[in-house]
Amino acid sequence: MTVDRDQVLRTAAALLTRKATATMDEVARAAGIGRATLHRHFAGRDALVKALEERGIQEFEAALDTARLDEGGAGEALRRLVAAVEPSAGLLAFLVTENQLFEGEVDEGWNRLDARVSALFRRGQEEGEFRFDLSPAWLTEALYALIGACAWSVQDGRVAAKDFTHMTTELLLGGARRSTEK
């Protein structure tokens, strides 16, 4: 039997997005394969997470490209980014949390993605659309946290999926916009 590695990764991502503590046995069952077969493709959880990380980086990079961050105002670009990342939000939330386990081993791909998102926030600050007292690095981390929180809230049925982009961007932008009050 030939195992579709991509399908196994999709299944693992879906499972781990819902249940971050799932075991390799549970991943194998969800994928419809035996544990030994899963281990032939991924030597252990770390190897599986690393493969999911590569997928997450690819999907986030595609979302950044789709969002056309350099076009229009920074706030609108941010809304496009959140909308584009929504299909991968659960996987990204899992990876951000799981990544804490790999202390000191940040994939260069994440650094590249962080730089692109931070550049969006920096542009918004330079154009006077975003507050300048919050660093672009902090706004980037806040965005990731909100994407994860909203993804989990949608998965748990606490909020409607159709509201994902609105809830995420409005909460972030409500705190990132420059106040016009004196």
Protein backbone atom coordinates (compact mmCIF):
# COMPACT_ATOMS: atom_id res chain seq x y z
CA MET A 1 0.00 0.00 0.00
CA THR A 2 1.35 3.38 -1.01
CA VAL A 3 0.98 6.09 1.59
CA ASP A 4 0.17 9.59 0.42
CA ARG A 5 2.53 11.63 2.62
CA ASP A 6 0.67 14.83 1.83
CA GLN A 7 -2.62 13.26 2.94
CA VAL A 8 -1.00 12.04 6.17
CA LEU A 9 0.26 15.58 6.83
CA ARG A 10 -3.18 17.06 6.13
CA THR A 11 -4.76 14.55 8.52
CA ALA A 12 -2.11 15.15 11.19
CA ALA A 13 -2.57 18.91 10.87
CA ALA A 14 -6.34 18.61 11.23
CA LEU A 15 -6.02 16.35 14.27
CA LEU A 16 -3.26 18.28 16.02
CA THR A 17 -5.07 21.53 15.37
CA ARG A 18 -8.02 20.19 17.35
CA LYS A 19 -6.00 18.14 19.85
CA ALA A 20 -2.43 19.36 20.23
CA THR A 21 -1.58 16.51 22.63
CA ALA A 22 -2.58 13.75 20.20
CA THR A 23 -0.17 10.82 20.22
CA MET A 24 1.51 9.29 17.20
CA ASP A 25 -0.90 6.35 17.58
CA GLU A 26 -3.84 8.73 17.32
CA VAL A 27 -2.31 10.42 14.28
CA ALA A 28 -1.80 7.04 12.60
CA ARG A 29 -5.38 5.98 13.34
CA ALA A 30 -6.76 9.26 12.00
CA ALA A 31 -4.69 8.81 8.83
CA GLY A 32 -5.91 5.24 8.43
CA ILE A 33 -2.43 3.74 8.65
CA GLY A 34 -0.50 1.75 11.20
CA ARG A 35 1.88 3.33 13.66
CA ALA A 36 4.84 1.55 12.03
CA THR A 37 3.90 3.04 8.67
CA LEU A 38 3.64 6.50 10.21
CA HIS A 39 7.08 6.02 11.79
CA ARG A 40 8.58 5.04 8.43
CA HIS A 41 7.59 8.49 7.14
CA PHE A 42 8.15 10.46 10.36
CA ALA A 43 10.62 9.04 12.88
CA GLY A 44 8.70 10.57 15.77
CA ARG A 45 6.62 13.50 16.86
CA ASP A 46 9.48 15.96 16.36
CA ALA A 47 9.90 14.86 12.75
CA LEU A 48 6.14 15.09 12.16
CA VAL A 49 5.99 18.56 13.69
CA LYS A 50 8.98 19.64 11.59
CA ALA A 51 7.18 18.48 8.43
CA LEU A 52 4.04 20.32 9.57
CA GLU A 53 6.16 23.38 10.24
CA GLU A 54 7.42 23.31 6.65
CA ARG A 55 3.81 23.08 5.46
CA GLY A 56 2.76 25.91 7.76
CA ILE A 57 5.56 28.14 6.49
CA GLN A 58 4.53 27.42 2.89
CA GLU A 59 0.87 28.13 3.62
CA PHE A 60 1.61 31.34 5.53
CA GLU A 61 3.95 32.53 2.79
CA ALA A 62 1.22 31.88 0.23
CA ALA A 63 -1.23 33.86 2.39
CA LEU A 64 1.23 36.75 2.56
CA ASP A 65 1.58 36.69 -1.23
CA THR A 66 -2.20 36.53 -1.70
CA ALA A 67 -2.71 39.47 0.67
CA ARG A 68 -0.59 41.83 -1.48
CA LEU A 69 0.77 43.59 1.61
CA ASP A 70 2.27 46.48 -0.36
CA GLU A 71 -1.03 47.50 -1.95
CA GLY A 72 -3.39 50.05 -0.44
CA GLY A 73 -3.50 51.05 3.19
CA ALA A 74 -1.83 48.93 5.84
CA GLY A 75 -5.14 48.25 7.63
CA GLU A 76 -6.73 46.90 4.47
CA ALA A 77 -3.62 44.82 3.75
CA LEU A 78 -3.88 43.38 7.26
CA ARG A 79 -7.53 42.46 6.67
CA ARG A 80 -6.56 40.72 3.42
CA LEU A 81 -3.80 38.84 5.25
CA VAL A 82 -6.10 37.59 8.00
CA ALA A 83 -8.67 36.49 5.42
CA ALA A 84 -5.98 34.69 3.41
CA VAL A 85 -4.52 32.94 6.47
CA GLU A 86 -7.88 31.80 7.85
CA PRO A 87 -7.87 28.35 6.17
CA SER A 88 -4.49 27.61 7.82
CA ALA A 89 -5.16 29.38 11.11
CA GLY A 90 -5.58 26.22 13.17
CA LEU A 91 -2.33 24.73 11.90
CA LEU A 92 -0.50 27.99 12.50
CA ALA A 93 -1.93 28.22 16.02
CA PHE A 94 -0.72 24.68 16.74
CA LEU A 95 2.73 25.42 15.32
CA VAL A 96 3.16 28.66 17.26
CA THR A 97 2.36 26.77 20.47
CA GLU A 98 4.39 23.70 19.55
CA ASN A 99 7.32 25.82 18.42
CA GLN A 100 7.88 26.79 22.04
CA LEU A 101 9.21 23.25 22.51
CA PHE A 102 12.03 23.85 20.02
CA GLU A 103 13.88 26.46 22.05
CA GLY A 104 16.59 28.17 20.03
CA GLU A 105 15.72 26.28 16.84
CA VAL A 106 13.69 28.85 14.92
CA ASP A 107 13.37 27.92 11.27
CA GLU A 108 14.70 30.64 8.96
CA GLY A 109 11.35 30.52 7.18
CA TRP A 110 9.60 31.90 10.28
CA ASN A 111 12.14 34.72 10.49
CA ARG A 112 11.43 35.59 6.85
CA LEU A 113 7.67 35.57 7.46
CA ASP A 114 7.99 37.60 10.67
CA ALA A 115 9.99 40.21 8.75
CA ARG A 116 7.25 40.55 6.12
CA VAL A 117 4.51 40.97 8.72
CA SER A 118 6.60 43.40 10.78
CA ALA A 119 7.25 45.42 7.62
CA LEU A 120 3.49 45.78 7.17
CA PHE A 121 3.12 47.13 10.70
CA ARG A 122 6.12 49.42 10.22
CA ARG A 123 4.59 50.79 7.01
CA GLY A 124 1.32 51.42 8.84
CA GLN A 125 3.22 53.32 11.50
CA GLU A 126 5.19 55.36 8.98
CA GLU A 127 1.97 56.25 7.15
CA GLY A 128 0.35 57.32 10.43
CA GLU A 129 -2.30 54.59 10.39
CA PHE A 130 -0.96 52.54 13.32
CA ARG A 131 0.28 53.53 16.75
CA PHE A 132 4.02 54.06 16.91
CA ASP A 133 4.38 53.30 20.63
CA LEU A 134 3.98 49.54 19.97
CA SER A 135 6.85 47.90 18.13
CA PRO A 136 6.23 46.10 14.82
CA ALA A 137 7.64 42.94 16.43
CA TRP A 138 5.06 43.13 19.23
CA LEU A 139 2.21 43.81 16.79
CA THR A 140 3.35 40.77 14.80
CA GLU A 141 3.26 38.56 17.90
CA ALA A 142 -0.14 39.98 18.86
CA LEU A 143 -1.46 39.16 15.38
CA TYR A 144 -0.28 35.55 15.68
CA ALA A 145 -1.87 35.25 19.13
CA LEU A 146 -5.19 36.63 17.88
CA ILE A 147 -5.19 34.33 14.86
CA GLY A 148 -4.62 31.36 17.16
CA ALA A 149 -7.22 32.44 19.70
CA CYS A 150 -9.82 33.03 17.01
CA ALA A 151 -9.03 29.71 15.28
CA TRP A 152 -9.53 27.83 18.55
CA SER A 153 -12.71 29.75 19.35
CA VAL A 154 -14.13 28.85 15.94
CA GLN A 155 -13.13 25.19 16.36
CA ASP A 156 -14.80 25.05 19.77
CA GLY A 157 -17.95 26.63 18.36
CA ARG A 158 -17.73 29.68 20.61
CA VAL A 159 -17.69 32.06 17.64
CA ALA A 160 -18.90 31.82 14.05
CA ALA A 161 -16.33 31.02 11.38
CA LYS A 162 -17.76 33.77 9.19
CA ASP A 163 -16.60 36.31 11.78
CA PHE A 164 -12.94 35.17 11.86
CA THR A 165 -11.45 38.01 9.81
CA HIS A 166 -13.60 40.71 11.38
CA MET A 167 -12.98 39.64 14.97
CA THR A 168 -9.24 39.23 14.51
CA THR A 169 -8.56 42.44 12.62
CA GLU A 170 -10.93 44.66 14.56
CA LEU A 171 -9.53 43.65 17.91
CA LEU A 172 -5.95 44.10 16.74
CA LEU A 173 -6.59 47.32 14.83
CA GLY A 174 -8.71 48.74 17.61
CA GLY A 175 -5.61 48.58 19.75
CA ALA A 176 -3.15 49.42 16.99
CA ARG A 177 -4.84 52.47 15.49
CA ARG A 178 -3.53 55.86 16.46
CA SER A 179 -5.90 57.75 18.65
CA THR A 180 -7.11 61.02 17.12
CA GLU A 181 -8.13 62.32 20.54
CA LYS A 182 -5.89 64.81 22.26
